[in-house]
Amino acid sequence: MSAIPAGMTELIAGDFGAAEQILRQGAEAFQALGERGYRSTAVAFLAEALYAQGRLDEAQRLTEDAEALAGAGDVFSQAQWRATRAKLLARRGEFGAAVRLADEALAQIPATSFDPILGETLTAKAEVLRLAGAPGDAETSLRRALQLFEDRRMTPRAEQARDLLASLADQHPPH
């Protein structure tokens, strides 16, 4: 079970190779135990670690595995596999499907809790929107994520969100 928070910590820190190693070991251990719930979460976050490393085909396969494993009420797994797959769809130019899936990912998260996963999912949607050529909408999504990260004192993620906002501004300066 500790593989998931440890892997998420490495994702937040930007050490995607370390996240991959931890999450892969955790997913394998959960599989050996016949445990599906934690395995689906480990696999969903492993897909994100692979996506971040540019290993898109592997990430796609793992989103499919996570989808098959995740229970209907498993908020983390349901949101994460959708968020990662939405980014994969956007990279393939399937923008409409990507935005719809990013919205589905957001809909998985109860409005009253899970601020960190909501922030992560808003960040994923911002990437989808940026790739789709909608920088204004991407900025709106990132600003919501930044507020959640700041409220939860998730300093590394808040700094990353600020950097992404600056990058958006650099790519699309106001007219």
N, C-alpha and C. Protein backbone atom coordinates (compact mmCIF):
# COMPACT_ATOMS: atom_id res chain seq x y z
N MET A 1 0.82 -1.19 0.00
CA MET A 1 0.00 0.00 0.00
C MET A 1 0.86 1.25 0.00
N SER A 2 2.03 1.22 0.62
CA SER A 2 2.88 2.41 0.68
C SER A 2 3.47 2.77 -0.68
N ALA A 3 3.39 1.86 -1.65
CA ALA A 3 3.90 2.16 -2.99
C ALA A 3 3.13 3.32 -3.63
N ILE A 4 1.85 3.42 -3.36
CA ILE A 4 1.04 4.46 -4.01
C ILE A 4 1.43 5.85 -3.51
N PRO A 5 1.44 6.12 -2.20
CA PRO A 5 1.86 7.46 -1.79
C PRO A 5 3.32 7.74 -2.13
N ALA A 6 4.18 6.73 -2.05
CA ALA A 6 5.59 6.95 -2.40
C ALA A 6 5.72 7.27 -3.89
N GLY A 7 4.99 6.54 -4.72
CA GLY A 7 5.02 6.80 -6.16
C GLY A 7 4.45 8.17 -6.50
N MET A 8 3.36 8.53 -5.82
CA MET A 8 2.76 9.85 -6.05
C MET A 8 3.73 10.95 -5.62
N THR A 9 4.45 10.73 -4.55
CA THR A 9 5.44 11.72 -4.10
C THR A 9 6.50 11.92 -5.16
N GLU A 10 6.97 10.85 -5.75
CA GLU A 10 7.98 10.96 -6.82
C GLU A 10 7.40 11.65 -8.06
N LEU A 11 6.14 11.38 -8.37
CA LEU A 11 5.49 12.09 -9.48
C LEU A 11 5.46 13.58 -9.22
N ILE A 12 5.06 13.95 -8.01
CA ILE A 12 4.99 15.37 -7.64
C ILE A 12 6.37 16.01 -7.70
N ALA A 13 7.38 15.25 -7.28
CA ALA A 13 8.75 15.77 -7.29
C ALA A 13 9.34 15.81 -8.69
N GLY A 14 8.67 15.18 -9.65
CA GLY A 14 9.17 15.19 -11.02
C GLY A 14 10.19 14.11 -11.32
N ASP A 15 10.37 13.15 -10.41
CA ASP A 15 11.29 12.04 -10.67
C ASP A 15 10.46 10.87 -11.21
N PHE A 16 10.21 10.92 -12.51
CA PHE A 16 9.29 9.98 -13.12
C PHE A 16 9.86 8.57 -13.19
N GLY A 17 11.18 8.44 -13.31
CA GLY A 17 11.81 7.12 -13.29
C GLY A 17 11.65 6.45 -11.94
N ALA A 18 11.86 7.20 -10.87
CA ALA A 18 11.67 6.65 -9.52
C ALA A 18 10.21 6.30 -9.29
N ALA A 19 9.31 7.17 -9.76
CA ALA A 19 7.88 6.89 -9.62
C ALA A 19 7.53 5.60 -10.35
N GLU A 20 8.05 5.45 -11.55
CA GLU A 20 7.79 4.23 -12.32
C GLU A 20 8.25 3.00 -11.55
N GLN A 21 9.45 3.03 -11.04
CA GLN A 21 9.99 1.86 -10.33
C GLN A 21 9.13 1.50 -9.12
N ILE A 22 8.81 2.49 -8.32
CA ILE A 22 8.01 2.24 -7.11
C ILE A 22 6.62 1.74 -7.46
N LEU A 23 5.97 2.40 -8.40
CA LEU A 23 4.60 2.03 -8.76
C LEU A 23 4.54 0.68 -9.46
N ARG A 24 5.53 0.38 -10.28
CA ARG A 24 5.57 -0.92 -10.96
C ARG A 24 5.73 -2.05 -9.93
N GLN A 25 6.65 -1.84 -8.98
CA GLN A 25 6.84 -2.86 -7.92
C GLN A 25 5.56 -3.03 -7.10
N GLY A 26 4.92 -1.91 -6.78
CA GLY A 26 3.67 -1.98 -6.03
C GLY A 26 2.59 -2.71 -6.81
N ALA A 27 2.43 -2.39 -8.09
CA ALA A 27 1.41 -3.04 -8.91
C ALA A 27 1.66 -4.54 -9.00
N GLU A 28 2.94 -4.93 -9.14
CA GLU A 28 3.27 -6.35 -9.20
C GLU A 28 2.98 -7.04 -7.88
N ALA A 29 3.28 -6.38 -6.76
CA ALA A 29 3.00 -6.96 -5.45
C ALA A 29 1.49 -7.11 -5.25
N PHE A 30 0.72 -6.10 -5.63
CA PHE A 30 -0.74 -6.19 -5.49
C PHE A 30 -1.30 -7.30 -6.37
N GLN A 31 -0.72 -7.46 -7.57
CA GLN A 31 -1.18 -8.53 -8.46
C GLN A 31 -0.89 -9.89 -7.82
N ALA A 32 0.29 -10.05 -7.25
CA ALA A 32 0.65 -11.32 -6.61
C ALA A 32 -0.29 -11.65 -5.46
N LEU A 33 -0.79 -10.62 -4.80
CA LEU A 33 -1.72 -10.81 -3.69
C LEU A 33 -3.17 -10.97 -4.15
N GLY A 34 -3.41 -10.76 -5.44
CA GLY A 34 -4.77 -10.82 -5.95
C GLY A 34 -5.59 -9.59 -5.59
N GLU A 35 -4.94 -8.50 -5.24
CA GLU A 35 -5.60 -7.26 -4.79
C GLU A 35 -5.84 -6.36 -6.00
N ARG A 36 -7.10 -6.02 -6.26
CA ARG A 36 -7.43 -5.23 -7.45
C ARG A 36 -7.54 -3.73 -7.18
N GLY A 37 -8.07 -3.35 -6.03
CA GLY A 37 -8.32 -1.94 -5.75
C GLY A 37 -7.04 -1.11 -5.73
N TYR A 38 -6.11 -1.50 -4.88
CA TYR A 38 -4.84 -0.77 -4.82
C TYR A 38 -4.05 -0.95 -6.12
N ARG A 39 -4.16 -2.12 -6.71
CA ARG A 39 -3.46 -2.35 -7.98
C ARG A 39 -3.94 -1.38 -9.05
N SER A 40 -5.26 -1.17 -9.13
CA SER A 40 -5.78 -0.25 -10.16
C SER A 40 -5.21 1.15 -9.97
N THR A 41 -5.09 1.57 -8.72
CA THR A 41 -4.54 2.91 -8.44
C THR A 41 -3.06 2.97 -8.80
N ALA A 42 -2.31 1.95 -8.41
CA ALA A 42 -0.88 1.92 -8.75
C ALA A 42 -0.69 1.93 -10.26
N VAL A 43 -1.49 1.14 -10.97
CA VAL A 43 -1.39 1.07 -12.43
C VAL A 43 -1.77 2.41 -13.07
N ALA A 44 -2.81 3.06 -12.55
CA ALA A 44 -3.24 4.35 -13.11
C ALA A 44 -2.13 5.39 -12.95
N PHE A 45 -1.50 5.44 -11.79
CA PHE A 45 -0.42 6.40 -11.59
C PHE A 45 0.85 5.98 -12.33
N LEU A 46 1.06 4.69 -12.50
CA LEU A 46 2.19 4.21 -13.32
C LEU A 46 2.01 4.69 -14.76
N ALA A 47 0.79 4.65 -15.26
CA ALA A 47 0.53 5.16 -16.62
C ALA A 47 0.95 6.62 -16.72
N GLU A 48 0.67 7.40 -15.69
CA GLU A 48 1.06 8.82 -15.69
C GLU A 48 2.58 8.96 -15.69
N ALA A 49 3.27 8.13 -14.91
CA ALA A 49 4.74 8.19 -14.87
C ALA A 49 5.32 7.87 -16.25
N LEU A 50 4.74 6.91 -16.94
CA LEU A 50 5.22 6.56 -18.28
C LEU A 50 4.88 7.66 -19.28
N TYR A 51 3.70 8.23 -19.16
CA TYR A 51 3.31 9.36 -20.02
C TYR A 51 4.33 10.49 -19.88
N ALA A 52 4.68 10.80 -18.64
CA ALA A 52 5.62 11.90 -18.38
C ALA A 52 7.00 11.62 -18.97
N GLN A 53 7.32 10.35 -19.18
CA GLN A 53 8.60 9.97 -19.79
C GLN A 53 8.49 9.83 -21.30
N GLY A 54 7.32 10.11 -21.85
CA GLY A 54 7.14 10.02 -23.30
C GLY A 54 6.90 8.61 -23.81
N ARG A 55 6.61 7.69 -22.94
CA ARG A 55 6.36 6.30 -23.32
C ARG A 55 4.86 6.10 -23.48
N LEU A 56 4.36 6.68 -24.55
CA LEU A 56 2.93 6.84 -24.74
C LEU A 56 2.18 5.53 -24.99
N ASP A 57 2.76 4.63 -25.77
CA ASP A 57 2.08 3.35 -26.03
C ASP A 57 1.92 2.55 -24.75
N GLU A 58 2.97 2.50 -23.93
CA GLU A 58 2.89 1.79 -22.65
C GLU A 58 1.87 2.46 -21.73
N ALA A 59 1.89 3.79 -21.73
CA ALA A 59 0.94 4.52 -20.89
C ALA A 59 -0.49 4.20 -21.31
N GLN A 60 -0.74 4.15 -22.61
CA GLN A 60 -2.08 3.81 -23.11
C GLN A 60 -2.51 2.44 -22.61
N ARG A 61 -1.62 1.45 -22.74
CA ARG A 61 -1.96 0.09 -22.29
C ARG A 61 -2.29 0.07 -20.79
N LEU A 62 -1.53 0.83 -20.03
CA LEU A 62 -1.77 0.84 -18.59
C LEU A 62 -3.06 1.56 -18.23
N THR A 63 -3.45 2.58 -18.99
CA THR A 63 -4.76 3.19 -18.72
C THR A 63 -5.87 2.18 -18.98
N GLU A 64 -5.68 1.33 -19.97
CA GLU A 64 -6.67 0.29 -20.25
C GLU A 64 -6.71 -0.73 -19.12
N ASP A 65 -5.54 -1.11 -18.60
CA ASP A 65 -5.49 -2.03 -17.47
C ASP A 65 -6.18 -1.42 -16.25
N ALA A 66 -5.87 -0.15 -15.97
CA ALA A 66 -6.46 0.52 -14.81
C ALA A 66 -7.98 0.61 -14.97
N GLU A 67 -8.44 0.91 -16.17
CA GLU A 67 -9.88 0.98 -16.42
C GLU A 67 -10.54 -0.36 -16.12
N ALA A 68 -9.90 -1.45 -16.55
CA ALA A 68 -10.47 -2.79 -16.33
C ALA A 68 -10.46 -3.18 -14.86
N LEU A 69 -9.48 -2.71 -14.11
CA LEU A 69 -9.33 -3.08 -12.71
C LEU A 69 -10.15 -2.22 -11.75
N ALA A 70 -10.36 -0.97 -12.09
CA ALA A 70 -10.91 0.00 -11.14
C ALA A 70 -12.39 -0.24 -10.87
N GLY A 71 -12.73 -0.21 -9.59
CA GLY A 71 -14.13 -0.28 -9.20
C GLY A 71 -14.82 1.06 -9.49
N ALA A 72 -16.11 1.03 -9.62
CA ALA A 72 -16.87 2.23 -9.96
C ALA A 72 -16.68 3.36 -8.95
N GLY A 73 -16.51 3.02 -7.67
CA GLY A 73 -16.36 4.05 -6.64
C GLY A 73 -14.91 4.40 -6.32
N ASP A 74 -13.97 3.90 -7.08
CA ASP A 74 -12.55 4.15 -6.84
C ASP A 74 -12.16 5.48 -7.47
N VAL A 75 -12.34 6.55 -6.73
CA VAL A 75 -12.16 7.91 -7.23
C VAL A 75 -10.77 8.12 -7.82
N PHE A 76 -9.74 7.74 -7.08
CA PHE A 76 -8.37 7.98 -7.55
C PHE A 76 -8.10 7.28 -8.88
N SER A 77 -8.41 6.01 -8.94
CA SER A 77 -8.14 5.25 -10.17
C SER A 77 -8.97 5.76 -11.33
N GLN A 78 -10.27 5.96 -11.08
CA GLN A 78 -11.16 6.41 -12.15
C GLN A 78 -10.73 7.77 -12.71
N ALA A 79 -10.40 8.69 -11.84
CA ALA A 79 -9.97 10.01 -12.31
C ALA A 79 -8.62 9.94 -13.00
N GLN A 80 -7.67 9.19 -12.43
CA GLN A 80 -6.31 9.19 -12.97
C GLN A 80 -6.20 8.52 -14.33
N TRP A 81 -6.83 7.36 -14.51
CA TRP A 81 -6.69 6.73 -15.83
C TRP A 81 -7.35 7.60 -16.91
N ARG A 82 -8.46 8.24 -16.56
CA ARG A 82 -9.12 9.12 -17.53
C ARG A 82 -8.25 10.34 -17.85
N ALA A 83 -7.65 10.94 -16.83
CA ALA A 83 -6.83 12.13 -17.05
C ALA A 83 -5.63 11.81 -17.94
N THR A 84 -4.97 10.69 -17.66
CA THR A 84 -3.81 10.31 -18.49
C THR A 84 -4.25 9.97 -19.90
N ARG A 85 -5.33 9.21 -20.04
CA ARG A 85 -5.78 8.87 -21.38
C ARG A 85 -6.24 10.10 -22.15
N ALA A 86 -6.85 11.06 -21.47
CA ALA A 86 -7.26 12.30 -22.15
C ALA A 86 -6.04 12.99 -22.76
N LYS A 87 -4.94 13.03 -22.03
CA LYS A 87 -3.72 13.64 -22.57
C LYS A 87 -3.19 12.85 -23.75
N LEU A 88 -3.29 11.53 -23.69
CA LEU A 88 -2.85 10.70 -24.80
C LEU A 88 -3.71 10.97 -26.04
N LEU A 89 -5.02 11.08 -25.84
CA LEU A 89 -5.92 11.39 -26.97
C LEU A 89 -5.56 12.75 -27.57
N ALA A 90 -5.30 13.73 -26.73
CA ALA A 90 -4.95 15.06 -27.23
C ALA A 90 -3.65 15.01 -28.03
N ARG A 91 -2.69 14.23 -27.58
CA ARG A 91 -1.43 14.10 -28.31
C ARG A 91 -1.65 13.49 -29.69
N ARG A 92 -2.70 12.69 -29.82
CA ARG A 92 -3.03 12.08 -31.12
C ARG A 92 -3.94 12.98 -31.95
N GLY A 93 -4.26 14.16 -31.44
CA GLY A 93 -5.10 15.09 -32.18
C GLY A 93 -6.59 14.84 -32.03
N GLU A 94 -6.98 13.96 -31.12
CA GLU A 94 -8.39 13.65 -30.89
C GLU A 94 -8.92 14.57 -29.79
N PHE A 95 -8.99 15.85 -30.11
CA PHE A 95 -9.25 16.87 -29.09
C PHE A 95 -10.64 16.79 -28.47
N GLY A 96 -11.66 16.55 -29.27
CA GLY A 96 -13.01 16.46 -28.72
C GLY A 96 -13.12 15.33 -27.71
N ALA A 97 -12.63 14.16 -28.08
CA ALA A 97 -12.66 13.01 -27.18
C ALA A 97 -11.80 13.27 -25.94
N ALA A 98 -10.68 13.95 -26.14
CA ALA A 98 -9.78 14.25 -25.02
C ALA A 98 -10.44 15.17 -24.00
N VAL A 99 -11.09 16.21 -24.48
CA VAL A 99 -11.75 17.15 -23.57
C VAL A 99 -12.90 16.45 -22.84
N ARG A 100 -13.68 15.66 -23.58
CA ARG A 100 -14.78 14.92 -22.93
C ARG A 100 -14.26 13.99 -21.84
N LEU A 101 -13.15 13.29 -22.09
CA LEU A 101 -12.61 12.37 -21.10
C LEU A 101 -12.01 13.13 -19.91
N ALA A 102 -11.39 14.27 -20.17
CA ALA A 102 -10.88 15.09 -19.06
C ALA A 102 -12.04 15.57 -18.19
N ASP A 103 -13.15 15.94 -18.81
CA ASP A 103 -14.34 16.33 -18.04
C ASP A 103 -14.89 15.16 -17.24
N GLU A 104 -14.88 13.96 -17.84
CA GLU A 104 -15.30 12.77 -17.11
C GLU A 104 -14.40 12.52 -15.90
N ALA A 105 -13.10 12.73 -16.08
CA ALA A 105 -12.16 12.55 -14.97
C ALA A 105 -12.52 13.50 -13.83
N LEU A 106 -12.80 14.74 -14.17
CA LEU A 106 -13.18 15.72 -13.15
C LEU A 106 -14.49 15.34 -12.47
N ALA A 107 -15.41 14.77 -13.23
CA ALA A 107 -16.71 14.39 -12.68
C ALA A 107 -16.60 13.23 -11.69
N GLN A 108 -15.50 12.50 -11.71
CA GLN A 108 -15.30 11.38 -10.79
C GLN A 108 -15.02 11.85 -9.37
N ILE A 109 -14.59 13.09 -9.23
CA ILE A 109 -14.08 13.58 -7.95
C ILE A 109 -15.20 14.33 -7.21
N PRO A 110 -15.53 13.89 -5.99
CA PRO A 110 -16.56 14.61 -5.22
C PRO A 110 -16.14 16.06 -4.98
N ALA A 111 -17.08 16.95 -5.08
CA ALA A 111 -16.78 18.38 -4.93
C ALA A 111 -16.30 18.74 -3.54
N THR A 112 -16.60 17.91 -2.56
CA THR A 112 -16.29 18.26 -1.18
C THR A 112 -14.96 17.71 -0.67
N SER A 113 -14.25 16.97 -1.50
CA SER A 113 -13.00 16.38 -1.00
C SER A 113 -12.04 16.13 -2.14
N PHE A 114 -10.93 15.52 -1.78
CA PHE A 114 -9.92 15.11 -2.76
C PHE A 114 -9.32 16.29 -3.52
N ASP A 115 -9.05 17.39 -2.81
CA ASP A 115 -8.45 18.55 -3.46
C ASP A 115 -7.17 18.21 -4.23
N PRO A 116 -6.26 17.40 -3.68
CA PRO A 116 -5.05 17.11 -4.44
C PRO A 116 -5.33 16.41 -5.77
N ILE A 117 -6.20 15.41 -5.78
CA ILE A 117 -6.48 14.73 -7.04
C ILE A 117 -7.27 15.64 -7.97
N LEU A 118 -8.09 16.51 -7.42
CA LEU A 118 -8.79 17.49 -8.26
C LEU A 118 -7.78 18.42 -8.91
N GLY A 119 -6.81 18.89 -8.15
CA GLY A 119 -5.76 19.75 -8.72
C GLY A 119 -4.99 19.05 -9.82
N GLU A 120 -4.65 17.79 -9.60
CA GLU A 120 -3.92 17.02 -10.62
C GLU A 120 -4.77 16.86 -11.88
N THR A 121 -6.04 16.61 -11.69
CA THR A 121 -6.93 16.39 -12.83
C THR A 121 -7.16 17.70 -13.59
N LEU A 122 -7.27 18.80 -12.88
CA LEU A 122 -7.37 20.11 -13.54
C LEU A 122 -6.10 20.42 -14.33
N THR A 123 -4.96 20.02 -13.80
CA THR A 123 -3.69 20.22 -14.51
C THR A 123 -3.66 19.39 -15.79
N ALA A 124 -4.15 18.16 -15.71
CA ALA A 124 -4.23 17.31 -16.90
C ALA A 124 -5.16 17.93 -17.94
N LYS A 125 -6.31 18.43 -17.47
CA LYS A 125 -7.24 19.06 -18.42
C LYS A 125 -6.60 20.28 -19.06
N ALA A 126 -5.82 21.03 -18.29
CA ALA A 126 -5.13 22.19 -18.86
C ALA A 126 -4.18 21.76 -19.98
N GLU A 127 -3.50 20.64 -19.80
CA GLU A 127 -2.62 20.16 -20.86
C GLU A 127 -3.42 19.78 -22.10
N VAL A 128 -4.55 19.11 -21.89
CA VAL A 128 -5.42 18.75 -23.01
C VAL A 128 -5.85 20.01 -23.75
N LEU A 129 -6.29 21.01 -23.01
CA LEU A 129 -6.76 22.26 -23.63
C LEU A 129 -5.63 23.00 -24.34
N ARG A 130 -4.44 22.98 -23.75
CA ARG A 130 -3.28 23.61 -24.40
C ARG A 130 -2.99 22.92 -25.73
N LEU A 131 -2.97 21.59 -25.71
CA LEU A 131 -2.71 20.84 -26.94
C LEU A 131 -3.80 21.06 -27.97
N ALA A 132 -5.03 21.30 -27.50
CA ALA A 132 -6.16 21.52 -28.40
C ALA A 132 -6.19 22.95 -28.94
N GLY A 133 -5.25 23.79 -28.51
CA GLY A 133 -5.20 25.16 -29.01
C GLY A 133 -6.15 26.09 -28.30
N ALA A 134 -6.44 25.81 -27.04
CA ALA A 134 -7.34 26.67 -26.24
C ALA A 134 -6.59 27.17 -25.01
N PRO A 135 -5.59 28.06 -25.21
CA PRO A 135 -4.76 28.50 -24.09
C PRO A 135 -5.53 29.25 -23.00
N GLY A 136 -6.57 29.98 -23.36
CA GLY A 136 -7.35 30.69 -22.35
C GLY A 136 -8.06 29.73 -21.40
N ASP A 137 -8.65 28.68 -21.97
CA ASP A 137 -9.31 27.67 -21.15
C ASP A 137 -8.29 26.89 -20.33
N ALA A 138 -7.13 26.63 -20.93
CA ALA A 138 -6.06 25.94 -20.20
C ALA A 138 -5.63 26.78 -19.00
N GLU A 139 -5.51 28.08 -19.19
CA GLU A 139 -5.13 28.96 -18.09
C GLU A 139 -6.17 28.92 -16.97
N THR A 140 -7.44 28.94 -17.33
CA THR A 140 -8.51 28.88 -16.32
C THR A 140 -8.39 27.61 -15.49
N SER A 141 -8.18 26.49 -16.15
CA SER A 141 -8.06 25.21 -15.46
C SER A 141 -6.82 25.21 -14.55
N LEU A 142 -5.70 25.73 -15.05
CA LEU A 142 -4.47 25.79 -14.25
C LEU A 142 -4.61 26.71 -13.05
N ARG A 143 -5.31 27.81 -13.22
CA ARG A 143 -5.50 28.73 -12.08
C ARG A 143 -6.32 28.07 -10.98
N ARG A 144 -7.32 27.29 -11.35
CA ARG A 144 -8.10 26.54 -10.35
C ARG A 144 -7.21 25.53 -9.64
N ALA A 145 -6.37 24.82 -10.41
CA ALA A 145 -5.45 23.84 -9.82
C ALA A 145 -4.47 24.53 -8.88
N LEU A 146 -3.92 25.65 -9.31
CA LEU A 146 -2.97 26.40 -8.48
C LEU A 146 -3.60 26.78 -7.15
N GLN A 147 -4.84 27.24 -7.18
CA GLN A 147 -5.51 27.63 -5.95
C GLN A 147 -5.64 26.43 -5.00
N LEU A 148 -6.00 25.29 -5.55
CA LEU A 148 -6.12 24.08 -4.72
C LEU A 148 -4.76 23.68 -4.14
N PHE A 149 -3.72 23.74 -4.96
CA PHE A 149 -2.38 23.39 -4.48
C PHE A 149 -1.92 24.35 -3.39
N GLU A 150 -2.20 25.62 -3.58
CA GLU A 150 -1.81 26.61 -2.55
C GLU A 150 -2.62 26.39 -1.27
N ASP A 151 -3.92 26.14 -1.41
CA ASP A 151 -4.76 25.92 -0.23
C ASP A 151 -4.29 24.72 0.57
N ARG A 152 -3.81 23.69 -0.10
CA ARG A 152 -3.34 22.47 0.56
C ARG A 152 -1.84 22.53 0.90
N ARG A 153 -1.23 23.66 0.61
CA ARG A 153 0.20 23.86 0.85
C ARG A 153 1.05 22.80 0.15
N MET A 154 0.63 22.46 -1.05
CA MET A 154 1.38 21.53 -1.88
C MET A 154 2.37 22.35 -2.71
N THR A 155 3.41 22.83 -2.04
CA THR A 155 4.34 23.79 -2.62
C THR A 155 4.94 23.34 -3.95
N PRO A 156 5.46 22.10 -4.06
CA PRO A 156 6.03 21.71 -5.36
C PRO A 156 5.02 21.78 -6.50
N ARG A 157 3.79 21.32 -6.25
CA ARG A 157 2.78 21.35 -7.31
C ARG A 157 2.34 22.78 -7.60
N ALA A 158 2.27 23.63 -6.58
CA ALA A 158 1.93 25.03 -6.81
C ALA A 158 3.00 25.69 -7.68
N GLU A 159 4.26 25.42 -7.39
CA GLU A 159 5.35 25.98 -8.19
C GLU A 159 5.28 25.48 -9.63
N GLN A 160 4.99 24.19 -9.80
CA GLN A 160 4.87 23.64 -11.15
C GLN A 160 3.70 24.28 -11.89
N ALA A 161 2.59 24.50 -11.20
CA ALA A 161 1.43 25.14 -11.84
C ALA A 161 1.78 26.57 -12.25
N ARG A 162 2.50 27.29 -11.39
CA ARG A 162 2.93 28.65 -11.76
C ARG A 162 3.84 28.63 -12.99
N ASP A 163 4.76 27.66 -13.04
CA ASP A 163 5.64 27.53 -14.20
C ASP A 163 4.85 27.24 -15.47
N LEU A 164 3.84 26.37 -15.36
CA LEU A 164 3.00 26.08 -16.52
C LEU A 164 2.22 27.30 -16.97
N LEU A 165 1.72 28.08 -16.01
CA LEU A 165 1.03 29.32 -16.36
C LEU A 165 1.96 30.29 -17.08
N ALA A 166 3.18 30.41 -16.59
CA ALA A 166 4.17 31.30 -17.24
C ALA A 166 4.48 30.80 -18.64
N SER A 167 4.58 29.49 -18.80
CA SER A 167 4.84 28.90 -20.11
C SER A 167 3.70 29.18 -21.08
N LEU A 168 2.48 29.09 -20.58
CA LEU A 168 1.31 29.42 -21.41
C LEU A 168 1.36 30.88 -21.85
N ALA A 169 1.71 31.75 -20.91
CA ALA A 169 1.78 33.18 -21.22
C ALA A 169 2.87 33.45 -22.26
N ASP A 170 3.98 32.73 -22.15
CA ASP A 170 5.09 32.90 -23.11
C ASP A 170 4.69 32.44 -24.50
N GLN A 171 3.90 31.36 -24.56
CA GLN A 171 3.48 30.81 -25.85
C GLN A 171 2.38 31.65 -26.49
N HIS A 172 1.55 32.27 -25.65
CA HIS A 172 0.40 33.01 -26.16
C HIS A 172 0.28 34.35 -25.43
N PRO A 173 1.18 35.29 -25.77
CA PRO A 173 1.11 36.58 -25.07
C PRO A 173 -0.20 37.29 -25.39
N PRO A 174 -0.68 38.10 -24.41
CA PRO A 174 -1.93 38.84 -24.65
C PRO A 174 -1.76 39.81 -25.81
N HIS A 175 -2.83 40.04 -26.54
CA HIS A 175 -2.78 40.95 -27.69
C HIS A 175 -3.05 42.36 -27.28
